[in-house]
Structures are given as structure tokens and as C-alpha cells.
């Protein structure tokens, strides 16, 4: 297929994925199968046109966050764009990973809410090149 003059081919946005230290530690404690499943779904964000529309947006205190699910397990992430009108770079920051346990103090949503309240939801690794994938391998 050839491109006609004056027509631009839409550019695929650049997507960078980071896991906060807290999210990496949480991920390491999950069963290997669950960890692999969450990481595969996280990697799927790399080919999405907008990671904000790829998974379910959360509401309430976690408004502005999104979730990836694998059975009863969740990985919670936030998305930053480059701040321009039409964003071509998205930064996806995973803030927590764990099991969904309604009405439990160990519920993943409660942990994510605490991290956000403490201002730890957007902590990026010191070096940008630090692994895109969460700890514990795949």
C-alpha cells in the first residue's frame, strides 16, 4: 500500500512501562503462574494505542488508576502522557500487585490507596533503563 501525498500515517505512540519498587516486591511474592499472567498482560500495553483505554479505569479514591486482572489478582497502574495535546509518549507506572480480598486489610485496592496517599504511586526507578518488567522473572 502506498501513501498518498499530503496524507500522514498515524504514528504508534511510544509506551514506557515501569514498576515501582513496591510493585516489584509485591509481584515477587505472587505465585509464578500469576506473575507471568500479569506480566504478559502488562506487556500487552506496549502495543496499545492508549494504555488508559486498554483496561478498566478505577473509581473513588483510585480514580485515575487502571487495573489488569488475572483471576483474583490485580496489578494497579497509572498513566502519564507527555503533556502535549496529542500524546505520542505514555509512561505506565505499576504501583501495586496482589490479590483481591474484599473487606480485608490485605486487599490490593487498600494497598494501592495507601501508596497513593503516601505519595509513592509515581516513584520511578532512578535509571530509566532499569528493567521494564517486574521482579521475579517470567
C-alpha atoms as a PDB file:
ATOM      1  CA  UNK A   1       0.000   0.000   0.000  1.00  0.00           C
ATOM      2  CA  UNK A   2       1.413   3.355  -0.944  1.00  0.00           C
ATOM      3  CA  UNK A   3       0.983   6.609   0.883  1.00  0.00           C
ATOM      4  CA  UNK A   4      -0.605   9.500  -0.959  1.00  0.00           C
ATOM      5  CA  UNK A   5       0.932  12.924  -0.805  1.00  0.00           C
ATOM      6  CA  UNK A   6      -0.350  15.054   1.991  1.00  0.00           C
ATOM      7  CA  UNK A   7      -1.634  12.068   3.981  1.00  0.00           C
ATOM      8  CA  UNK A   8       0.195  11.168   7.144  1.00  0.00           C
ATOM      9  CA  UNK A   9       0.384   7.676   8.513  1.00  0.00           C
ATOM     10  CA  UNK A  10      -0.724   7.742  12.146  1.00  0.00           C
ATOM     11  CA  UNK A  11       2.216   7.158  14.472  1.00  0.00           C
ATOM     12  CA  UNK A  12       2.070   4.427  17.065  1.00  0.00           C
ATOM     13  CA  UNK A  13       2.574   6.046  20.474  1.00  0.00           C
ATOM     14  CA  UNK A  14       5.684   5.227  22.482  1.00  0.00           C
ATOM     15  CA  UNK A  15       4.825   3.450  25.681  1.00  0.00           C
ATOM     16  CA  UNK A  16       7.271   3.002  28.537  1.00  0.00           C
ATOM     17  CA  UNK A  17       6.452   0.657  31.409  1.00  0.00           C
ATOM     18  CA  UNK A  18       7.889   0.978  34.900  1.00  0.00           C
ATOM     19  CA  UNK A  19       7.246  -0.972  38.091  1.00  0.00           C
ATOM     20  CA  UNK A  20       7.754   0.864  41.365  1.00  0.00           C
ATOM     21  CA  UNK A  21       9.913  -0.903  43.934  1.00  0.00           C
ATOM     22  CA  UNK A  22       6.802  -1.649  45.976  1.00  0.00           C
ATOM     23  CA  UNK A  23       5.071  -3.181  42.953  1.00  0.00           C
ATOM     24  CA  UNK A  24       8.162  -5.266  42.139  1.00  0.00           C
ATOM     25  CA  UNK A  25       8.268  -6.622  45.679  1.00  0.00           C
ATOM     26  CA  UNK A  26       4.537  -7.390  45.587  1.00  0.00           C
ATOM     27  CA  UNK A  27       4.937  -9.140  42.251  1.00  0.00           C
ATOM     28  CA  UNK A  28       7.774 -11.320  43.569  1.00  0.00           C
ATOM     29  CA  UNK A  29       5.505 -12.658  46.322  1.00  0.00           C
ATOM     30  CA  UNK A  30       2.818 -13.826  43.888  1.00  0.00           C
ATOM     31  CA  UNK A  31       2.643 -17.394  42.527  1.00  0.00           C
ATOM     32  CA  UNK A  32       4.792 -17.815  39.386  1.00  0.00           C
ATOM     33  CA  UNK A  33       1.798 -18.510  37.136  1.00  0.00           C
ATOM     34  CA  UNK A  34       0.012 -15.373  38.347  1.00  0.00           C
ATOM     35  CA  UNK A  35       3.184 -13.295  37.988  1.00  0.00           C
ATOM     36  CA  UNK A  36       3.633 -14.493  34.387  1.00  0.00           C
ATOM     37  CA  UNK A  37      -0.019 -13.768  33.582  1.00  0.00           C
ATOM     38  CA  UNK A  38       0.129 -10.226  34.953  1.00  0.00           C
ATOM     39  CA  UNK A  39       3.438  -9.532  33.198  1.00  0.00           C
ATOM     40  CA  UNK A  40       2.085 -10.779  29.860  1.00  0.00           C
ATOM     41  CA  UNK A  41      -0.928  -8.502  30.185  1.00  0.00           C
ATOM     42  CA  UNK A  42       1.336  -5.599  31.187  1.00  0.00           C
ATOM     43  CA  UNK A  43       3.489  -6.240  28.117  1.00  0.00           C
ATOM     44  CA  UNK A  44       0.309  -6.081  26.035  1.00  0.00           C
ATOM     45  CA  UNK A  45       0.138  -2.383  26.897  1.00  0.00           C
ATOM     46  CA  UNK A  46       3.216  -1.827  24.714  1.00  0.00           C
ATOM     47  CA  UNK A  47       1.161  -2.437  21.584  1.00  0.00           C
ATOM     48  CA  UNK A  48      -1.936  -0.492  22.661  1.00  0.00           C
ATOM     49  CA  UNK A  49      -2.726   2.877  21.172  1.00  0.00           C
ATOM     50  CA  UNK A  50      -3.613   4.286  24.593  1.00  0.00           C
ATOM     51  CA  UNK A  51      -2.923   2.383  27.843  1.00  0.00           C
ATOM     52  CA  UNK A  52      -5.711   4.371  29.502  1.00  0.00           C
ATOM     53  CA  UNK A  53      -8.335   2.606  27.409  1.00  0.00           C
ATOM     54  CA  UNK A  54      -6.756  -0.859  27.450  1.00  0.00           C
ATOM     55  CA  UNK A  55      -8.045  -1.897  30.894  1.00  0.00           C
ATOM     56  CA  UNK A  56     -10.734  -0.947  33.371  1.00  0.00           C
ATOM     57  CA  UNK A  57     -10.406   2.501  34.953  1.00  0.00           C
ATOM     58  CA  UNK A  58     -10.841   2.546  38.723  1.00  0.00           C
ATOM     59  CA  UNK A  59     -13.149   4.893  40.622  1.00  0.00           C
ATOM     60  CA  UNK A  60     -13.343   6.516  44.034  1.00  0.00           C
ATOM     61  CA  UNK A  61     -10.039   7.024  45.847  1.00  0.00           C
ATOM     62  CA  UNK A  62      -8.248   5.217  42.990  1.00  0.00           C
ATOM     63  CA  UNK A  63      -9.701   7.409  40.270  1.00  0.00           C
ATOM     64  CA  UNK A  64      -7.005   7.965  37.652  1.00  0.00           C
ATOM     65  CA  UNK A  65      -5.667   4.420  38.091  1.00  0.00           C
ATOM     66  CA  UNK A  66      -6.331   1.332  35.988  1.00  0.00           C
ATOM     67  CA  UNK A  67      -6.243  -2.388  36.677  1.00  0.00           C
ATOM     68  CA  UNK A  68      -5.043  -5.515  34.976  1.00  0.00           C
ATOM     69  CA  UNK A  69      -6.669  -8.706  36.205  1.00  0.00           C
ATOM     70  CA  UNK A  70      -5.553 -12.309  36.340  1.00  0.00           C
ATOM     71  CA  UNK A  71      -8.146 -14.334  38.209  1.00  0.00           C
ATOM     72  CA  UNK A  72      -8.492 -12.747  41.659  1.00  0.00           C
ATOM     73  CA  UNK A  73      -5.147 -10.959  41.277  1.00  0.00           C
ATOM     74  CA  UNK A  74      -4.697  -7.355  40.211  1.00  0.00           C
ATOM     75  CA  UNK A  75      -1.916  -5.080  39.034  1.00  0.00           C
ATOM     76  CA  UNK A  76      -2.737  -1.400  39.535  1.00  0.00           C
ATOM     77  CA  UNK A  77      -1.168   1.221  37.274  1.00  0.00           C
ATOM     78  CA  UNK A  78      -1.254   4.919  36.492  1.00  0.00           C
ATOM     79  CA  UNK A  79      -0.557   6.583  33.152  1.00  0.00           C
ATOM     80  CA  UNK A  80       1.249   9.828  32.420  1.00  0.00           C
ATOM     81  CA  UNK A  81       1.385  11.327  28.981  1.00  0.00           C
ATOM     82  CA  UNK A  82       3.913  13.746  27.569  1.00  0.00           C
ATOM     83  CA  UNK A  83       1.580  16.660  28.339  1.00  0.00           C
ATOM     84  CA  UNK A  84       1.025  17.739  24.763  1.00  0.00           C
ATOM     85  CA  UNK A  85      -2.348  17.911  23.068  1.00  0.00           C
ATOM     86  CA  UNK A  86      -1.862  14.719  21.091  1.00  0.00           C
ATOM     87  CA  UNK A  87       0.337  12.480  23.159  1.00  0.00           C
ATOM     88  CA  UNK A  88       2.818  10.218  21.456  1.00  0.00           C
ATOM     89  CA  UNK A  89       4.544   9.038  24.635  1.00  0.00           C
ATOM     90  CA  UNK A  90       2.845   7.348  27.563  1.00  0.00           C
ATOM     91  CA  UNK A  91       4.555   6.337  30.778  1.00  0.00           C
ATOM     92  CA  UNK A  92       2.789   3.450  32.533  1.00  0.00           C
ATOM     93  CA  UNK A  93       3.693   3.098  36.210  1.00  0.00           C
ATOM     94  CA  UNK A  94       2.624  -0.029  38.049  1.00  0.00           C
ATOM     95  CA  UNK A  95       2.143   0.831  41.713  1.00  0.00           C
ATOM     96  CA  UNK A  96       0.923  -2.435  43.257  1.00  0.00           C
ATOM     97  CA  UNK A  97       0.179  -6.078  42.530  1.00  0.00           C
ATOM     98  CA  UNK A  98      -1.662  -8.574  44.678  1.00  0.00           C
ATOM     99  CA  UNK A  99      -4.825 -10.490  45.410  1.00  0.00           C
ATOM    100  CA  UNK A 100      -8.306  -9.031  45.615  1.00  0.00           C
ATOM    101  CA  UNK A 101      -9.695  -9.738  49.088  1.00  0.00           C
ATOM    102  CA  UNK A 102     -12.820  -7.721  49.758  1.00  0.00           C
ATOM    103  CA  UNK A 103     -13.118  -6.345  53.294  1.00  0.00           C
ATOM    104  CA  UNK A 104      -9.582  -7.440  54.170  1.00  0.00           C
ATOM    105  CA  UNK A 105      -6.741  -5.182  55.276  1.00  0.00           C
ATOM    106  CA  UNK A 106      -4.560  -7.073  52.751  1.00  0.00           C
ATOM    107  CA  UNK A 107      -6.777  -6.187  49.778  1.00  0.00           C
ATOM    108  CA  UNK A 108      -4.762  -4.926  46.808  1.00  0.00           C
ATOM    109  CA  UNK A 109      -7.005  -1.890  46.402  1.00  0.00           C
ATOM    110  CA  UNK A 110      -6.397  -0.852  50.010  1.00  0.00           C
ATOM    111  CA  UNK A 111      -2.649  -1.186  49.493  1.00  0.00           C
ATOM    112  CA  UNK A 112      -2.788   0.904  46.301  1.00  0.00           C
ATOM    113  CA  UNK A 113      -4.848   3.561  48.070  1.00  0.00           C
ATOM    114  CA  UNK A 114      -2.298   3.767  50.906  1.00  0.00           C
ATOM    115  CA  UNK A 115       0.573   4.092  48.426  1.00  0.00           C
ATOM    116  CA  UNK A 116      -1.209   6.914  46.635  1.00  0.00           C
ATOM    117  CA  UNK A 117      -1.998   8.662  49.927  1.00  0.00           C
ATOM    118  CA  UNK A 118       1.686   8.419  50.882  1.00  0.00           C
ATOM    119  CA  UNK A 119       2.742   9.855  47.514  1.00  0.00           C
ATOM    120  CA  UNK A 120       4.504   6.654  46.482  1.00  0.00           C
ATOM    121  CA  UNK A 121       2.374   5.867  43.446  1.00  0.00           C
ATOM    122  CA  UNK A 122       4.552   7.708  40.958  1.00  0.00           C
ATOM    123  CA  UNK A 123       8.011   6.751  42.141  1.00  0.00           C
ATOM    124  CA  UNK A 124      10.111   5.912  39.101  1.00  0.00           C
ATOM    125  CA  UNK A 125      13.294   3.860  39.115  1.00  0.00           C
ATOM    126  CA  UNK A 126      16.421   6.008  39.346  1.00  0.00           C
ATOM    127  CA  UNK A 127      17.685   4.920  35.956  1.00  0.00           C
ATOM    128  CA  UNK A 128      15.266   4.932  33.054  1.00  0.00           C
ATOM    129  CA  UNK A 129      16.857   1.816  31.588  1.00  0.00           C
ATOM    130  CA  UNK A 130      16.064  -0.247  34.676  1.00  0.00           C
ATOM    131  CA  UNK A 131      14.003  -3.279  33.636  1.00  0.00           C
ATOM    132  CA  UNK A 132      10.611  -2.750  32.153  1.00  0.00           C
ATOM    133  CA  UNK A 133       9.351  -5.960  33.688  1.00  0.00           C
ATOM    134  CA  UNK A 134       8.566  -6.510  37.317  1.00  0.00           C
ATOM    135  CA  UNK A 135      10.796  -8.560  39.579  1.00  0.00           C
ATOM    136  CA  UNK A 136      10.910 -12.298  39.804  1.00  0.00           C
ATOM    137  CA  UNK A 137      11.341 -13.084  36.097  1.00  0.00           C
ATOM    138  CA  UNK A 138       8.631 -14.547  33.971  1.00  0.00           C
END
